[in-house]
PDB file of N, CA and C in Angstrom:
ATOM      1  N   MET A   1       0.843  -1.170   0.000  1.00  0.00           N
ATOM      2  CA  MET A   1       0.000   0.000   0.000  1.00  0.00           C
ATOM      3  C   MET A   1       0.889   1.235   0.000  1.00  0.00           C
ATOM      4  N   ASN A   2       0.780   2.053  -1.007  1.00  0.00           N
ATOM      5  CA  ASN A   2       1.579   3.270  -1.106  1.00  0.00           C
ATOM      6  C   ASN A   2       0.754   4.489  -0.736  1.00  0.00           C
ATOM      7  N   VAL A   3       1.337   5.344   0.077  1.00  0.00           N
ATOM      8  CA  VAL A   3       0.716   6.617   0.421  1.00  0.00           C
ATOM      9  C   VAL A   3       1.520   7.707  -0.271  1.00  0.00           C
ATOM     10  N   THR A   4       0.850   8.515  -1.080  1.00  0.00           N
ATOM     11  CA  THR A   4       1.488   9.625  -1.774  1.00  0.00           C
ATOM     12  C   THR A   4       1.067  10.908  -1.080  1.00  0.00           C
ATOM     13  N   ARG A   5       2.032  11.746  -0.750  1.00  0.00           N
ATOM     14  CA  ARG A   5       1.734  13.020  -0.099  1.00  0.00           C
ATOM     15  C   ARG A   5       2.039  14.169  -1.047  1.00  0.00           C
ATOM     16  N   ARG A   6       1.087  15.084  -1.129  1.00  0.00           N
ATOM     17  CA  ARG A   6       1.271  16.333  -1.863  1.00  0.00           C
ATOM     18  C   ARG A   6       1.025  17.467  -0.887  1.00  0.00           C
ATOM     19  N   TYR A   7       1.588  18.596  -1.172  1.00  0.00           N
ATOM     20  CA  TYR A   7       1.458  19.736  -0.271  1.00  0.00           C
ATOM     21  C   TYR A   7       0.944  20.937  -1.058  1.00  0.00           C
ATOM     22  N   LYS A   8      -0.122  21.570  -0.535  1.00  0.00           N
ATOM     23  CA  LYS A   8      -0.710  22.762  -1.149  1.00  0.00           C
ATOM     24  C   LYS A   8      -0.563  23.935  -0.197  1.00  0.00           C
ATOM     25  N   VAL A   9      -0.238  25.087  -0.743  1.00  0.00           N
ATOM     26  CA  VAL A   9      -0.098  26.309   0.045  1.00  0.00           C
ATOM     27  C   VAL A   9      -1.499  26.805   0.413  1.00  0.00           C
ATOM     28  N   VAL A  10      -1.692  27.124   1.699  1.00  0.00           N
ATOM     29  CA  VAL A  10      -2.970  27.631   2.196  1.00  0.00           C
ATOM     30  C   VAL A  10      -2.939  29.159   2.269  1.00  0.00           C
ATOM     31  N   ASN A  11      -1.865  29.699   2.802  1.00  0.00           N
ATOM     32  CA  ASN A  11      -1.685  31.153   2.911  1.00  0.00           C
ATOM     33  C   ASN A  11      -0.350  31.556   2.307  1.00  0.00           C
ATOM     34  N   LYS A  12      -0.304  32.746   1.768  1.00  0.00           N
ATOM     35  CA  LYS A  12       0.898  33.276   1.114  1.00  0.00           C
ATOM     36  C   LYS A  12       2.073  33.330   2.096  1.00  0.00           C
ATOM     37  N   PHE A  13       3.245  32.862   1.642  1.00  0.00           N
ATOM     38  CA  PHE A  13       4.471  32.989   2.427  1.00  0.00           C
ATOM     39  C   PHE A  13       5.689  32.913   1.507  1.00  0.00           C
ATOM     40  N   LYS A  14       6.824  33.369   2.036  1.00  0.00           N
ATOM     41  CA  LYS A  14       8.071  33.378   1.271  1.00  0.00           C
ATOM     42  C   LYS A  14       8.853  32.119   1.592  1.00  0.00           C
ATOM     43  N   TYR A  15       9.370  31.478   0.541  1.00  0.00           N
ATOM     44  CA  TYR A  15      10.144  30.247   0.710  1.00  0.00           C
ATOM     45  C   TYR A  15      11.236  30.222  -0.346  1.00  0.00           C
ATOM     46  N   GLY A  16      12.478  30.182   0.103  1.00  0.00           N
ATOM     47  CA  GLY A  16      13.605  30.102  -0.828  1.00  0.00           C
ATOM     48  C   GLY A  16      13.668  31.251  -1.814  1.00  0.00           C
ATOM     49  N   GLY A  17      13.348  32.461  -1.367  1.00  0.00           N
ATOM     50  CA  GLY A  17      13.400  33.622  -2.241  1.00  0.00           C
ATOM     51  C   GLY A  17      12.211  33.750  -3.176  1.00  0.00           C
ATOM     52  N   GLU A  18      11.228  32.905  -3.007  1.00  0.00           N
ATOM     53  CA  GLU A  18      10.057  32.897  -3.877  1.00  0.00           C
ATOM     54  C   GLU A  18       8.808  33.110  -3.021  1.00  0.00           C
ATOM     55  N   ILE A  19       7.830  33.849  -3.514  1.00  0.00           N
ATOM     56  CA  ILE A  19       6.569  34.044  -2.819  1.00  0.00           C
ATOM     57  C   ILE A  19       5.589  32.973  -3.294  1.00  0.00           C
ATOM     58  N   LEU A  20       5.143  32.147  -2.370  1.00  0.00           N
ATOM     59  CA  LEU A  20       4.170  31.108  -2.694  1.00  0.00           C
ATOM     60  C   LEU A  20       2.772  31.618  -2.386  1.00  0.00           C
ATOM     61  N   GLN A  21       1.855  31.369  -3.287  1.00  0.00           N
ATOM     62  CA  GLN A  21       0.478  31.847  -3.184  1.00  0.00           C
ATOM     63  C   GLN A  21      -0.449  30.689  -2.829  1.00  0.00           C
ATOM     64  N   PRO A  22      -1.611  30.991  -2.202  1.00  0.00           N
ATOM     65  CA  PRO A  22      -2.593  29.938  -1.915  1.00  0.00           C
ATOM     66  C   PRO A  22      -2.940  29.150  -3.175  1.00  0.00           C
ATOM     67  N   GLY A  23      -2.957  27.835  -3.025  1.00  0.00           N
ATOM     68  CA  GLY A  23      -3.247  26.953  -4.156  1.00  0.00           C
ATOM     69  C   GLY A  23      -2.015  26.436  -4.865  1.00  0.00           C
ATOM     70  N   ASP A  24      -0.855  27.080  -4.631  1.00  0.00           N
ATOM     71  CA  ASP A  24       0.390  26.605  -5.245  1.00  0.00           C
ATOM     72  C   ASP A  24       0.788  25.255  -4.648  1.00  0.00           C
ATOM     73  N   ASP A  25       1.476  24.462  -5.447  1.00  0.00           N
ATOM     74  CA  ASP A  25       2.086  23.242  -4.924  1.00  0.00           C
ATOM     75  C   ASP A  25       3.333  23.632  -4.145  1.00  0.00           C
ATOM     76  N   PHE A  26       3.566  22.953  -3.030  1.00  0.00           N
ATOM     77  CA  PHE A  26       4.762  23.181  -2.220  1.00  0.00           C
ATOM     78  C   PHE A  26       5.637  21.953  -2.331  1.00  0.00           C
ATOM     79  N   HIS A  27       6.890  22.159  -2.702  1.00  0.00           N
ATOM     80  CA  HIS A  27       7.846  21.067  -2.857  1.00  0.00           C
ATOM     81  C   HIS A  27       8.970  21.261  -1.841  1.00  0.00           C
ATOM     82  N   PRO A  28       8.852  20.604  -0.670  1.00  0.00           N
ATOM     83  CA  PRO A  28       9.862  20.804   0.367  1.00  0.00           C
ATOM     84  C   PRO A  28      11.225  20.279  -0.049  1.00  0.00           C
ATOM     85  N   ALA A  29      12.257  21.015   0.345  1.00  0.00           N
ATOM     86  CA  ALA A  29      13.628  20.600   0.056  1.00  0.00           C
ATOM     87  C   ALA A  29      14.147  19.629   1.106  1.00  0.00           C
ATOM     88  N   GLY A  30      13.488  19.599   2.254  1.00  0.00           N
ATOM     89  CA  GLY A  30      13.907  18.722   3.346  1.00  0.00           C
ATOM     90  C   GLY A  30      14.483  19.532   4.486  1.00  0.00           C
ATOM     91  N   GLY A  31      14.631  18.894   5.627  1.00  0.00           N
ATOM     92  CA  GLY A  31      15.192  19.577   6.778  1.00  0.00           C
ATOM     93  C   GLY A  31      14.137  19.995   7.787  1.00  0.00           C
ATOM     94  N   ARG A  32      14.618  20.468   8.928  1.00  0.00           N
ATOM     95  CA  ARG A  32      13.734  20.813  10.034  1.00  0.00           C
ATOM     96  C   ARG A  32      12.804  21.968   9.682  1.00  0.00           C
ATOM     97  N   TRP A  33      13.291  22.963   8.962  1.00  0.00           N
ATOM     98  CA  TRP A  33      12.461  24.103   8.591  1.00  0.00           C
ATOM     99  C   TRP A  33      11.250  23.647   7.782  1.00  0.00           C
ATOM    100  N   ASP A  34      11.451  22.763   6.821  1.00  0.00           N
ATOM    101  CA  ASP A  34      10.343  22.248   6.016  1.00  0.00           C
ATOM    102  C   ASP A  34       9.375  21.446   6.867  1.00  0.00           C
ATOM    103  N   SER A  35       9.874  20.674   7.806  1.00  0.00           N
ATOM    104  CA  SER A  35       9.013  19.900   8.704  1.00  0.00           C
ATOM    105  C   SER A  35       8.096  20.823   9.491  1.00  0.00           C
ATOM    106  N   ASN A  36       8.644  21.945   9.961  1.00  0.00           N
ATOM    107  CA  ASN A  36       7.831  22.913  10.698  1.00  0.00           C
ATOM    108  C   ASN A  36       6.768  23.543   9.801  1.00  0.00           C
ATOM    109  N   LEU A  37       7.110  23.838   8.560  1.00  0.00           N
ATOM    110  CA  LEU A  37       6.139  24.397   7.623  1.00  0.00           C
ATOM    111  C   LEU A  37       5.006  23.414   7.352  1.00  0.00           C
ATOM    112  N   ILE A  38       5.366  22.167   7.084  1.00  0.00           N
ATOM    113  CA  ILE A  38       4.372  21.151   6.755  1.00  0.00           C
ATOM    114  C   ILE A  38       3.443  20.886   7.938  1.00  0.00           C
ATOM    115  N   ALA A  39       3.968  21.006   9.148  1.00  0.00           N
ATOM    116  CA  ALA A  39       3.170  20.765  10.344  1.00  0.00           C
ATOM    117  C   ALA A  39       2.221  21.922  10.659  1.00  0.00           C
ATOM    118  N   ASN A  40       2.340  23.039   9.948  1.00  0.00           N
ATOM    119  CA  ASN A  40       1.527  24.224  10.213  1.00  0.00           C
ATOM    120  C   ASN A  40       0.343  24.269   9.239  1.00  0.00           C
ATOM    121  N   PRO A  41      -0.861  23.892   9.696  1.00  0.00           N
ATOM    122  CA  PRO A  41      -2.015  23.868   8.783  1.00  0.00           C
ATOM    123  C   PRO A  41      -2.447  25.242   8.295  1.00  0.00           C
ATOM    124  N   LYS A  42      -1.929  26.320   8.905  1.00  0.00           N
ATOM    125  CA  LYS A  42      -2.242  27.664   8.428  1.00  0.00           C
ATOM    126  C   LYS A  42      -1.446  28.003   7.169  1.00  0.00           C
ATOM    127  N   LEU A  43      -0.365  27.258   6.925  1.00  0.00           N
ATOM    128  CA  LEU A  43       0.477  27.510   5.754  1.00  0.00           C
ATOM    129  C   LEU A  43       0.359  26.430   4.683  1.00  0.00           C
ATOM    130  N   ILE A  44       0.332  25.172   5.119  1.00  0.00           N
ATOM    131  CA  ILE A  44       0.392  24.051   4.176  1.00  0.00           C
ATOM    132  C   ILE A  44      -0.725  23.056   4.453  1.00  0.00           C
ATOM    133  N   GLU A  45      -1.399  22.605   3.380  1.00  0.00           N
ATOM    134  CA  GLU A  45      -2.371  21.519   3.478  1.00  0.00           C
ATOM    135  C   GLU A  45      -1.697  20.258   2.947  1.00  0.00           C
ATOM    136  N   VAL A  46      -1.704  19.209   3.745  1.00  0.00           N
ATOM    137  CA  VAL A  46      -1.123  17.934   3.342  1.00  0.00           C
ATOM    138  C   VAL A  46      -2.242  17.091   2.731  1.00  0.00           C
ATOM    139  N   ILE A  47      -2.028  16.648   1.506  1.00  0.00           N
ATOM    140  CA  ILE A  47      -3.007  15.821   0.806  1.00  0.00           C
ATOM    141  C   ILE A  47      -2.404  14.435   0.643  1.00  0.00           C
ATOM    142  N   GLU A  48      -3.028  13.449   1.290  1.00  0.00           N
ATOM    143  CA  GLU A  48      -2.533  12.075   1.221  1.00  0.00           C
ATOM    144  C   GLU A  48      -3.461  11.251   0.334  1.00  0.00           C
ATOM    145  N   THR A  49      -2.867  10.518  -0.590  1.00  0.00           N
ATOM    146  CA  THR A  49      -3.611   9.634  -1.475  1.00  0.00           C
ATOM    147  C   THR A  49      -3.090   8.225  -1.262  1.00  0.00           C
ATOM    148  N   ILE A  50      -4.008   7.291  -1.119  1.00  0.00           N
ATOM    149  CA  ILE A  50      -3.625   5.895  -0.909  1.00  0.00           C
ATOM    150  C   ILE A  50      -4.022   5.105  -2.145  1.00  0.00           C
ATOM    151  N   ASP A  51      -3.050   4.389  -2.718  1.00  0.00           N
ATOM    152  CA  ASP A  51      -3.342   3.538  -3.868  1.00  0.00           C
ATOM    153  C   ASP A  51      -4.363   2.488  -3.461  1.00  0.00           C
ATOM    154  N   GLY A  52      -5.404   2.338  -4.263  1.00  0.00           N
ATOM    155  CA  GLY A  52      -6.430   1.351  -3.978  1.00  0.00           C
ATOM    156  C   GLY A  52      -7.528   1.862  -3.059  1.00  0.00           C
ATOM    157  N   GLY A  53      -7.446   3.098  -2.591  1.00  0.00           N
ATOM    158  CA  GLY A  53      -8.433   3.620  -1.661  1.00  0.00           C
ATOM    159  C   GLY A  53      -9.369   4.639  -2.280  1.00  0.00           C
ATOM    160  N   ASP A  54      -9.454   4.667  -3.610  1.00  0.00           N
ATOM    161  CA  ASP A  54     -10.233   5.694  -4.297  1.00  0.00           C
ATOM    162  C   ASP A  54     -11.700   5.703  -3.892  1.00  0.00           C
ATOM    163  N   GLU A  55     -12.296   4.525  -3.658  1.00  0.00           N
ATOM    164  CA  GLU A  55     -13.722   4.483  -3.329  1.00  0.00           C
ATOM    165  C   GLU A  55     -14.003   5.064  -1.949  1.00  0.00           C
ATOM    166  N   PHE A  56     -12.978   5.201  -1.109  1.00  0.00           N
ATOM    167  CA  PHE A  56     -13.160   5.733   0.234  1.00  0.00           C
ATOM    168  C   PHE A  56     -12.737   7.199   0.355  1.00  0.00           C
ATOM    169  N   SER A  57     -11.987   7.717  -0.586  1.00  0.00           N
ATOM    170  CA  SER A  57     -11.412   9.050  -0.435  1.00  0.00           C
ATOM    171  C   SER A  57     -12.457  10.161  -0.393  1.00  0.00           C
ATOM    172  N   ALA A  58     -13.625   9.949  -0.978  1.00  0.00           N
ATOM    173  CA  ALA A  58     -14.666  10.975  -0.973  1.00  0.00           C
ATOM    174  C   ALA A  58     -15.468  10.980   0.330  1.00  0.00           C
ATOM    175  N   LEU A  59     -15.298   9.952   1.166  1.00  0.00           N
ATOM    176  CA  LEU A  59     -16.041   9.857   2.421  1.00  0.00           C
ATOM    177  C   LEU A  59     -15.423  10.764   3.480  1.00  0.00           C
ATOM    178  N   THR A  60     -16.244  11.199   4.421  1.00  0.00           N
ATOM    179  CA  THR A  60     -15.739  11.980   5.547  1.00  0.00           C
ATOM    180  C   THR A  60     -15.107  11.033   6.566  1.00  0.00           C
ATOM    181  N   VAL A  61     -14.349  11.598   7.492  1.00  0.00           N
ATOM    182  CA  VAL A  61     -13.726  10.798   8.548  1.00  0.00           C
ATOM    183  C   VAL A  61     -14.818  10.087   9.357  1.00  0.00           C
ATOM    184  N   ARG A  62     -15.913  10.788   9.641  1.00  0.00           N
ATOM    185  CA  ARG A  62     -17.021  10.175  10.396  1.00  0.00           C
ATOM    186  C   ARG A  62     -17.580   8.959   9.656  1.00  0.00           C
ATOM    187  N   GLU A  63     -17.766   9.087   8.340  1.00  0.00           N
ATOM    188  CA  GLU A  63     -18.283   7.966   7.543  1.00  0.00           C
ATOM    189  C   GLU A  63     -17.290   6.807   7.522  1.00  0.00           C
ATOM    190  N   LEU A  64     -15.995   7.129   7.394  1.00  0.00           N
ATOM    191  CA  LEU A  64     -14.972   6.080   7.399  1.00  0.00           C
ATOM    192  C   LEU A  64     -14.968   5.336   8.723  1.00  0.00           C
ATOM    193  N   ARG A  65     -15.066   6.085   9.832  1.00  0.00           N
ATOM    194  CA  ARG A  65     -15.089   5.446  11.158  1.00  0.00           C
ATOM    195  C   ARG A  65     -16.318   4.557  11.317  1.00  0.00           C
ATOM    196  N   GLY A  66     -17.436   4.974  10.753  1.00  0.00           N
ATOM    197  CA  GLY A  66     -18.643   4.145  10.791  1.00  0.00           C
ATOM    198  C   GLY A  66     -18.435   2.820  10.065  1.00  0.00           C
ATOM    199  N   LYS A  67     -17.803   2.889   8.895  1.00  0.00           N
ATOM    200  CA  LYS A  67     -17.522   1.661   8.135  1.00  0.00           C
ATOM    201  C   LYS A  67     -16.552   0.757   8.897  1.00  0.00           C
ATOM    202  N   LEU A  68     -15.538   1.370   9.521  1.00  0.00           N
ATOM    203  CA  LEU A  68     -14.584   0.580  10.308  1.00  0.00           C
ATOM    204  C   LEU A  68     -15.270  -0.082  11.495  1.00  0.00           C
ATOM    205  N   LYS A  69     -16.133   0.668  12.167  1.00  0.00           N
ATOM    206  CA  LYS A  69     -16.846   0.127  13.326  1.00  0.00           C
ATOM    207  C   LYS A  69     -17.723  -1.045  12.896  1.00  0.00           C
ATOM    208  N   ASP A  70     -18.423  -0.896  11.763  1.00  0.00           N
ATOM    209  CA  ASP A  70     -19.271  -1.969  11.244  1.00  0.00           C
ATOM    210  C   ASP A  70     -18.453  -3.222  10.919  1.00  0.00           C
ATOM    211  N   ALA A  71     -17.203  -3.021  10.499  1.00  0.00           N
ATOM    212  CA  ALA A  71     -16.323  -4.141  10.146  1.00  0.00           C
ATOM    213  C   ALA A  71     -15.575  -4.685  11.361  1.00  0.00           C
ATOM    214  N   GLY A  72     -15.772  -4.046  12.534  1.00  0.00           N
ATOM    215  CA  GLY A  72     -15.082  -4.505  13.735  1.00  0.00           C
ATOM    216  C   GLY A  72     -13.607  -4.155  13.750  1.00  0.00           C
ATOM    217  N   LEU A  73     -13.241  -3.089  13.046  1.00  0.00           N
ATOM    218  CA  LEU A  73     -11.850  -2.663  12.972  1.00  0.00           C
ATOM    219  C   LEU A  73     -11.635  -1.421  13.838  1.00  0.00           C
ATOM    220  N   PRO A  74     -10.386  -1.153  14.246  1.00  0.00           N
ATOM    221  CA  PRO A  74     -10.098   0.041  15.052  1.00  0.00           C
ATOM    222  C   PRO A  74     -10.486   1.324  14.301  1.00  0.00           C
ATOM    223  N   VAL A  75     -10.963   2.323  15.052  1.00  0.00           N
ATOM    224  CA  VAL A  75     -11.469   3.555  14.436  1.00  0.00           C
ATOM    225  C   VAL A  75     -10.596   4.772  14.705  1.00  0.00           C
ATOM    226  N   TYR A  76      -9.375   4.594  15.208  1.00  0.00           N
ATOM    227  CA  TYR A  76      -8.484   5.720  15.509  1.00  0.00           C
ATOM    228  C   TYR A  76      -7.599   6.025  14.307  1.00  0.00           C
ATOM    229  N   GLY A  77      -7.053   7.252  14.276  1.00  0.00           N
ATOM    230  CA  GLY A  77      -6.097   7.638  13.245  1.00  0.00           C
ATOM    231  C   GLY A  77      -6.640   8.733  12.350  1.00  0.00           C
ATOM    232  N   ASN A  78      -5.762   9.208  11.449  1.00  0.00           N
ATOM    233  CA  ASN A  78      -6.176  10.242  10.497  1.00  0.00           C
ATOM    234  C   ASN A  78      -6.867   9.587   9.293  1.00  0.00           C
ATOM    235  N   LYS A  79      -7.351  10.411   8.389  1.00  0.00           N
ATOM    236  CA  LYS A  79      -8.128   9.910   7.259  1.00  0.00           C
ATOM    237  C   LYS A  79      -7.354   8.888   6.435  1.00  0.00           C
ATOM    238  N   ALA A  80      -6.090   9.165   6.155  1.00  0.00           N
ATOM    239  CA  ALA A  80      -5.287   8.234   5.355  1.00  0.00           C
ATOM    240  C   ALA A  80      -5.151   6.885   6.060  1.00  0.00           C
ATOM    241  N   GLN A  81      -4.962   6.905   7.378  1.00  0.00           N
ATOM    242  CA  GLN A  81      -4.840   5.654   8.136  1.00  0.00           C
ATOM    243  C   GLN A  81      -6.155   4.885   8.131  1.00  0.00           C
ATOM    244  N   LEU A  82      -7.272   5.599   8.246  1.00  0.00           N
ATOM    245  CA  LEU A  82      -8.581   4.946   8.223  1.00  0.00           C
ATOM    246  C   LEU A  82      -8.824   4.278   6.874  1.00  0.00           C
ATOM    247  N   ILE A  83      -8.499   4.988   5.795  1.00  0.00           N
ATOM    248  CA  ILE A  83      -8.690   4.422   4.447  1.00  0.00           C
ATOM    249  C   ILE A  83      -7.791   3.200   4.268  1.00  0.00           C
ATOM    250  N   GLU A  84      -6.548   3.330   4.708  1.00  0.00           N
ATOM    251  CA  GLU A  84      -5.618   2.203   4.575  1.00  0.00           C
ATOM    252  C   GLU A  84      -6.152   0.978   5.306  1.00  0.00           C
ATOM    253  N   ARG A  85      -6.693   1.177   6.495  1.00  0.00           N
ATOM    254  CA  ARG A  85      -7.236   0.074   7.288  1.00  0.00           C
ATOM    255  C   ARG A  85      -8.422  -0.558   6.581  1.00  0.00           C
ATOM    256  N   LEU A  86      -9.289   0.251   5.967  1.00  0.00           N
ATOM    257  CA  LEU A  86     -10.430  -0.288   5.226  1.00  0.00           C
ATOM    258  C   LEU A  86      -9.985  -1.062   3.997  1.00  0.00           C
ATOM    259  N   VAL A  87      -9.006  -0.519   3.280  1.00  0.00           N
ATOM    260  CA  VAL A  87      -8.513  -1.185   2.065  1.00  0.00           C
ATOM    261  C   VAL A  87      -7.876  -2.530   2.410  1.00  0.00           C
ATOM    262  N   GLN A  88      -7.080  -2.535   3.476  1.00  0.00           N
ATOM    263  CA  GLN A  88      -6.403  -3.763   3.878  1.00  0.00           C
ATOM    264  C   GLN A  88      -7.323  -4.732   4.584  1.00  0.00           C
ATOM    265  N   GLY A  89      -8.382  -4.196   5.214  1.00  0.00           N
ATOM    266  CA  GLY A  89      -9.277  -5.051   5.972  1.00  0.00           C
ATOM    267  C   GLY A  89      -8.633  -5.582   7.235  1.00  0.00           C
ATOM    268  N   VAL A  90      -7.658  -4.847   7.760  1.00  0.00           N
ATOM    269  CA  VAL A  90      -6.917  -5.287   8.943  1.00  0.00           C
ATOM    270  C   VAL A  90      -7.244  -4.373  10.103  1.00  0.00           C
TER     271      VAL A  90
END
């Protein structure tokens, strides 16, 4: 199961001499500074896509947890983890 992460700019900020605008793709170079940026939901939106989880990606977290509960699976975690658990059935 592969998880692909993309990063979208939420609010305008300067990065590497460039001004990033809302909606721009953010391509981190790596390092602690980038980790802090990615962890800040006011600046960056993290979009996780799971291969094989397309039928679940449109569901809300509440709906995903309901499906997990019905299947007798754990209901904790973020949306990507919930989808992964449903896809794997584990």
